[in-house]
Amino acid sequence: HRGRLGVADAEGGLTVFDVEKNILFEKRGDDAKESWMVRPHDDGVYYGSEAGLFSYDWSGAVRWHIGAADSFGDVRFGDLRGEHIVVTAGWCKLKQSHLHVVSRDGKRRFSVRLKPGPGGEKALGAESCCAGVDEKGNARFFASVSLYSAMSSRNDLGVA
């Protein structure tokens, strides 16, 4: 993002580099263990790991965090869309996966538990997700469970 690269690693770390390979900041948490999601934005870096969902400013200061203490669990995948972050989370800590929509200022907008698909496909922690807007301006949220995909539509979130 604008000459900066954010990298999540298998040990729960986040490292942010500048265009000349200098480390801008690193975050390591004993409770993270693994990390999967990094989404940069002009206002900072959104990062997901076993410790939850974090927002950092570009200096590395924590802006907010939502984690297991908030019944959120670990974050696997995420999509930054307009004013919202859409993530799948919960499998490692809660043994059930949810699709969460969180505003960029850290407020939860809504959560939906991912249920088995029509063929019995179960959430096992590797669910992906994304968000978009349909032709009428309604927010559309997608999550996958194994080979099955689910979709939800909301018109009250103003996702662009």
C-alpha atoms as a PDB file:
ATOM      1  CA  HIS A   1       0.000   0.000   0.000  1.00  0.00           C
ATOM      2  CA  ARG A   2       1.693   3.206  -1.213  1.00  0.00           C
ATOM      3  CA  GLY A   3       5.125   1.586  -1.076  1.00  0.00           C
ATOM      4  CA  ARG A   4       4.517  -0.371   2.132  1.00  0.00           C
ATOM      5  CA  LEU A   5       4.165  -4.122   2.464  1.00  0.00           C
ATOM      6  CA  GLY A   6       2.481  -5.926   5.367  1.00  0.00           C
ATOM      7  CA  VAL A   7       3.325  -9.589   5.964  1.00  0.00           C
ATOM      8  CA  ALA A   8       1.584 -12.021   8.320  1.00  0.00           C
ATOM      9  CA  ASP A   9       3.603 -15.095   9.271  1.00  0.00           C
ATOM     10  CA  ALA A  10       3.080 -18.618  10.592  1.00  0.00           C
ATOM     11  CA  GLU A  11       4.280 -17.597  14.068  1.00  0.00           C
ATOM     12  CA  GLY A  12       1.581 -14.987  14.613  1.00  0.00           C
ATOM     13  CA  GLY A  13       3.680 -12.019  13.625  1.00  0.00           C
ATOM     14  CA  LEU A  14       3.016  -8.946  11.557  1.00  0.00           C
ATOM     15  CA  THR A  15       5.886  -7.123   9.847  1.00  0.00           C
ATOM     16  CA  VAL A  16       5.445  -3.939   7.842  1.00  0.00           C
ATOM     17  CA  PHE A  17       8.197  -2.878   5.417  1.00  0.00           C
ATOM     18  CA  ASP A  18       8.763   0.267   3.404  1.00  0.00           C
ATOM     19  CA  VAL A  19       9.699   0.304  -0.275  1.00  0.00           C
ATOM     20  CA  GLU A  20      13.417   0.015   0.578  1.00  0.00           C
ATOM     21  CA  LYS A  21      12.911  -3.133   2.701  1.00  0.00           C
ATOM     22  CA  ASN A  22      13.270  -1.251   5.996  1.00  0.00           C
ATOM     23  CA  ILE A  23      11.080  -2.581   8.792  1.00  0.00           C
ATOM     24  CA  LEU A  24       8.567   0.089   9.792  1.00  0.00           C
ATOM     25  CA  PHE A  25       7.185  -1.996  12.658  1.00  0.00           C
ATOM     26  CA  GLU A  26       6.793  -5.563  13.887  1.00  0.00           C
ATOM     27  CA  LYS A  27       4.177  -7.075  16.158  1.00  0.00           C
ATOM     28  CA  ARG A  28       4.543 -10.432  17.850  1.00  0.00           C
ATOM     29  CA  GLY A  29       2.086 -11.877  20.339  1.00  0.00           C
ATOM     30  CA  ASP A  30       2.464 -15.024  22.411  1.00  0.00           C
ATOM     31  CA  ASP A  31      -1.246 -15.715  22.019  1.00  0.00           C
ATOM     32  CA  ALA A  32      -1.289 -15.192  18.226  1.00  0.00           C
ATOM     33  CA  LYS A  33       0.567 -18.411  17.237  1.00  0.00           C
ATOM     34  CA  GLU A  34      -0.538 -18.085  13.592  1.00  0.00           C
ATOM     35  CA  SER A  35      -1.655 -15.157  11.497  1.00  0.00           C
ATOM     36  CA  TRP A  36      -3.401 -15.018   8.162  1.00  0.00           C
ATOM     37  CA  MET A  37      -4.833 -11.637   7.239  1.00  0.00           C
ATOM     38  CA  VAL A  38      -3.244  -8.263   6.487  1.00  0.00           C
ATOM     39  CA  ARG A  39      -5.260  -5.498   4.847  1.00  0.00           C
ATOM     40  CA  PRO A  40      -3.641  -2.066   4.429  1.00  0.00           C
ATOM     41  CA  HIS A  41      -5.571   1.178   4.124  1.00  0.00           C
ATOM     42  CA  ASP A  42      -4.715   4.878   4.172  1.00  0.00           C
ATOM     43  CA  ASP A  43      -5.662   4.995   7.871  1.00  0.00           C
ATOM     44  CA  GLY A  44      -3.543   1.992   8.898  1.00  0.00           C
ATOM     45  CA  VAL A  45      -3.170  -1.782   8.832  1.00  0.00           C
ATOM     46  CA  TYR A  46      -5.888  -4.303   9.698  1.00  0.00           C
ATOM     47  CA  TYR A  47      -4.437  -7.597  10.889  1.00  0.00           C
ATOM     48  CA  GLY A  48      -6.001 -10.938  11.820  1.00  0.00           C
ATOM     49  CA  SER A  49      -4.501 -13.822  13.792  1.00  0.00           C
ATOM     50  CA  GLU A  50      -5.390 -16.377  16.443  1.00  0.00           C
ATOM     51  CA  ALA A  51      -5.472 -13.405  18.854  1.00  0.00           C
ATOM     52  CA  GLY A  52      -8.307 -11.711  16.928  1.00  0.00           C
ATOM     53  CA  LEU A  53      -8.648  -8.627  14.745  1.00  0.00           C
ATOM     54  CA  PHE A  54      -6.357  -5.625  15.229  1.00  0.00           C
ATOM     55  CA  SER A  55      -6.155  -2.161  13.776  1.00  0.00           C
ATOM     56  CA  TYR A  56      -2.749  -0.420  13.822  1.00  0.00           C
ATOM     57  CA  ASP A  57      -1.842   3.049  12.645  1.00  0.00           C
ATOM     58  CA  TRP A  58       1.153   3.308  10.294  1.00  0.00           C
ATOM     59  CA  SER A  59       3.536   3.848  13.223  1.00  0.00           C
ATOM     60  CA  GLY A  60       2.497   0.483  14.724  1.00  0.00           C
ATOM     61  CA  ALA A  61       0.333   1.829  17.554  1.00  0.00           C
ATOM     62  CA  VAL A  62      -2.769  -0.261  18.313  1.00  0.00           C
ATOM     63  CA  ARG A  63      -5.942   1.635  17.431  1.00  0.00           C
ATOM     64  CA  TRP A  64      -8.302  -1.149  18.563  1.00  0.00           C
ATOM     65  CA  HIS A  65      -8.510  -4.930  19.056  1.00  0.00           C
ATOM     66  CA  ILE A  66     -11.384  -7.445  19.086  1.00  0.00           C
ATOM     67  CA  GLY A  67     -10.482 -10.911  20.340  1.00  0.00           C
ATOM     68  CA  ALA A  68     -11.460 -14.020  22.260  1.00  0.00           C
ATOM     69  CA  ALA A  69     -12.502 -11.991  25.310  1.00  0.00           C
ATOM     70  CA  ASP A  70     -15.116 -10.390  23.031  1.00  0.00           C
ATOM     71  CA  SER A  71     -16.395 -13.814  21.801  1.00  0.00           C
ATOM     72  CA  PHE A  72     -14.791 -13.066  18.450  1.00  0.00           C
ATOM     73  CA  GLY A  73     -12.043 -15.689  18.304  1.00  0.00           C
ATOM     74  CA  ASP A  74      -9.292 -16.036  15.740  1.00  0.00           C
ATOM     75  CA  VAL A  75      -9.438 -14.327  12.360  1.00  0.00           C
ATOM     76  CA  ARG A  76      -8.749 -16.373   9.236  1.00  0.00           C
ATOM     77  CA  PHE A  77      -9.639 -14.338   6.173  1.00  0.00           C
ATOM     78  CA  GLY A  78     -10.767 -10.785   5.646  1.00  0.00           C
ATOM     79  CA  ASP A  79     -11.882  -8.298   3.040  1.00  0.00           C
ATOM     80  CA  LEU A  80     -11.636  -4.537   3.502  1.00  0.00           C
ATOM     81  CA  ARG A  81     -14.534  -2.877   1.720  1.00  0.00           C
ATOM     82  CA  GLY A  82     -15.330   0.821   2.131  1.00  0.00           C
ATOM     83  CA  GLU A  83     -15.952   1.564   5.797  1.00  0.00           C
ATOM     84  CA  HIS A  84     -16.112  -2.131   6.765  1.00  0.00           C
ATOM     85  CA  ILE A  85     -13.932  -5.160   7.301  1.00  0.00           C
ATOM     86  CA  VAL A  86     -15.556  -8.520   6.617  1.00  0.00           C
ATOM     87  CA  VAL A  87     -13.814 -11.465   8.315  1.00  0.00           C
ATOM     88  CA  THR A  88     -14.313 -15.126   9.048  1.00  0.00           C
ATOM     89  CA  ALA A  89     -13.293 -15.957  12.602  1.00  0.00           C
ATOM     90  CA  GLY A  90     -13.710 -18.252  15.548  1.00  0.00           C
ATOM     91  CA  TRP A  91     -12.654 -21.766  14.610  1.00  0.00           C
ATOM     92  CA  CYS A  92      -9.454 -22.193  16.672  1.00  0.00           C
ATOM     93  CA  LYS A  93     -10.815 -20.607  19.833  1.00  0.00           C
ATOM     94  CA  LEU A  94     -14.557 -21.300  19.638  1.00  0.00           C
ATOM     95  CA  LYS A  95     -14.794 -24.394  17.368  1.00  0.00           C
ATOM     96  CA  GLN A  96     -17.388 -22.623  15.238  1.00  0.00           C
ATOM     97  CA  SER A  97     -16.889 -20.113  12.473  1.00  0.00           C
ATOM     98  CA  HIS A  98     -18.672 -16.806  11.982  1.00  0.00           C
ATOM     99  CA  LEU A  99     -18.787 -14.134   9.338  1.00  0.00           C
ATOM    100  CA  HIS A 100     -18.315 -10.776  11.091  1.00  0.00           C
ATOM    101  CA  VAL A 101     -18.685  -7.280   9.692  1.00  0.00           C
ATOM    102  CA  VAL A 102     -16.744  -4.655  11.647  1.00  0.00           C
ATOM    103  CA  SER A 103     -16.516  -0.934  10.935  1.00  0.00           C
ATOM    104  CA  ARG A 104     -13.048   0.534  10.378  1.00  0.00           C
ATOM    105  CA  ASP A 105     -13.306   2.173  13.810  1.00  0.00           C
ATOM    106  CA  GLY A 106     -13.702  -1.239  15.502  1.00  0.00           C
ATOM    107  CA  LYS A 107     -17.447  -1.479  16.043  1.00  0.00           C
ATOM    108  CA  ARG A 108     -19.155  -4.765  15.241  1.00  0.00           C
ATOM    109  CA  ARG A 109     -21.969  -4.292  12.757  1.00  0.00           C
ATOM    110  CA  PHE A 110     -23.248  -7.870  12.603  1.00  0.00           C
ATOM    111  CA  SER A 111     -22.188 -11.503  12.912  1.00  0.00           C
ATOM    112  CA  VAL A 112     -23.569 -14.652  11.316  1.00  0.00           C
ATOM    113  CA  ARG A 113     -22.615 -18.189  12.325  1.00  0.00           C
ATOM    114  CA  LEU A 114     -21.546 -20.260   9.312  1.00  0.00           C
ATOM    115  CA  LYS A 115     -23.714 -23.353   9.227  1.00  0.00           C
ATOM    116  CA  PRO A 116     -23.137 -26.611   7.343  1.00  0.00           C
ATOM    117  CA  GLY A 117     -23.931 -26.555   3.647  1.00  0.00           C
ATOM    118  CA  PRO A 118     -26.749 -28.578   2.057  1.00  0.00           C
ATOM    119  CA  GLY A 119     -24.386 -31.505   1.507  1.00  0.00           C
ATOM    120  CA  GLY A 120     -23.214 -31.501   5.132  1.00  0.00           C
ATOM    121  CA  GLU A 121     -20.104 -29.402   4.454  1.00  0.00           C
ATOM    122  CA  LYS A 122     -18.826 -28.126   7.803  1.00  0.00           C
ATOM    123  CA  ALA A 123     -16.805 -25.113   8.850  1.00  0.00           C
ATOM    124  CA  LEU A 124     -13.320 -26.327   9.716  1.00  0.00           C
ATOM    125  CA  GLY A 125     -11.423 -23.073  10.061  1.00  0.00           C
ATOM    126  CA  ALA A 126     -10.379 -22.292   6.495  1.00  0.00           C
ATOM    127  CA  GLU A 127     -13.425 -20.277   5.482  1.00  0.00           C
ATOM    128  CA  SER A 128     -12.860 -17.394   3.107  1.00  0.00           C
ATOM    129  CA  CYS A 129     -15.042 -14.329   2.667  1.00  0.00           C
ATOM    130  CA  CYS A 130     -15.567 -11.210   0.622  1.00  0.00           C
ATOM    131  CA  ALA A 131     -17.975  -8.305   0.261  1.00  0.00           C
ATOM    132  CA  GLY A 132     -19.442  -6.262  -2.535  1.00  0.00           C
ATOM    133  CA  VAL A 133     -22.385  -4.144  -3.583  1.00  0.00           C
ATOM    134  CA  ASP A 134     -25.168  -5.217  -5.938  1.00  0.00           C
ATOM    135  CA  GLU A 135     -26.735  -3.067  -8.664  1.00  0.00           C
ATOM    136  CA  LYS A 136     -29.275  -1.660  -6.180  1.00  0.00           C
ATOM    137  CA  GLY A 137     -26.586  -0.551  -3.717  1.00  0.00           C
ATOM    138  CA  ASN A 138     -27.211  -3.350  -1.210  1.00  0.00           C
ATOM    139  CA  ALA A 139     -24.196  -4.778   0.576  1.00  0.00           C
ATOM    140  CA  ARG A 140     -23.520  -8.430  -0.327  1.00  0.00           C
ATOM    141  CA  PHE A 141     -21.436 -10.693   1.917  1.00  0.00           C
ATOM    142  CA  PHE A 142     -20.038 -14.059   0.928  1.00  0.00           C
ATOM    143  CA  ALA A 143     -18.439 -16.835   2.958  1.00  0.00           C
ATOM    144  CA  SER A 144     -17.367 -20.325   2.012  1.00  0.00           C
ATOM    145  CA  VAL A 145     -17.653 -23.497   4.052  1.00  0.00           C
ATOM    146  CA  SER A 146     -15.609 -26.243   2.420  1.00  0.00           C
ATOM    147  CA  LEU A 147     -16.987 -26.410  -1.131  1.00  0.00           C
ATOM    148  CA  TYR A 148     -20.229 -24.647  -0.214  1.00  0.00           C
ATOM    149  CA  SER A 149     -20.637 -20.861  -0.403  1.00  0.00           C
ATOM    150  CA  ALA A 150     -23.239 -18.794   1.420  1.00  0.00           C
ATOM    151  CA  MET A 151     -24.364 -15.293   0.661  1.00  0.00           C
ATOM    152  CA  SER A 152     -26.120 -12.648   2.742  1.00  0.00           C
ATOM    153  CA  SER A 153     -27.458  -9.300   1.653  1.00  0.00           C
ATOM    154  CA  ARG A 154     -27.915  -6.186   3.785  1.00  0.00           C
ATOM    155  CA  ASN A 155     -29.116  -2.780   2.689  1.00  0.00           C
ATOM    156  CA  ASP A 156     -28.534  -0.926   5.950  1.00  0.00           C
ATOM    157  CA  LEU A 157     -24.729  -0.870   6.137  1.00  0.00           C
ATOM    158  CA  GLY A 158     -23.788   1.553   3.397  1.00  0.00           C
ATOM    159  CA  VAL A 159     -20.902  -0.553   2.108  1.00  0.00           C
ATOM    160  CA  ALA A 160     -19.356   0.934  -1.000  1.00  0.00           C
END
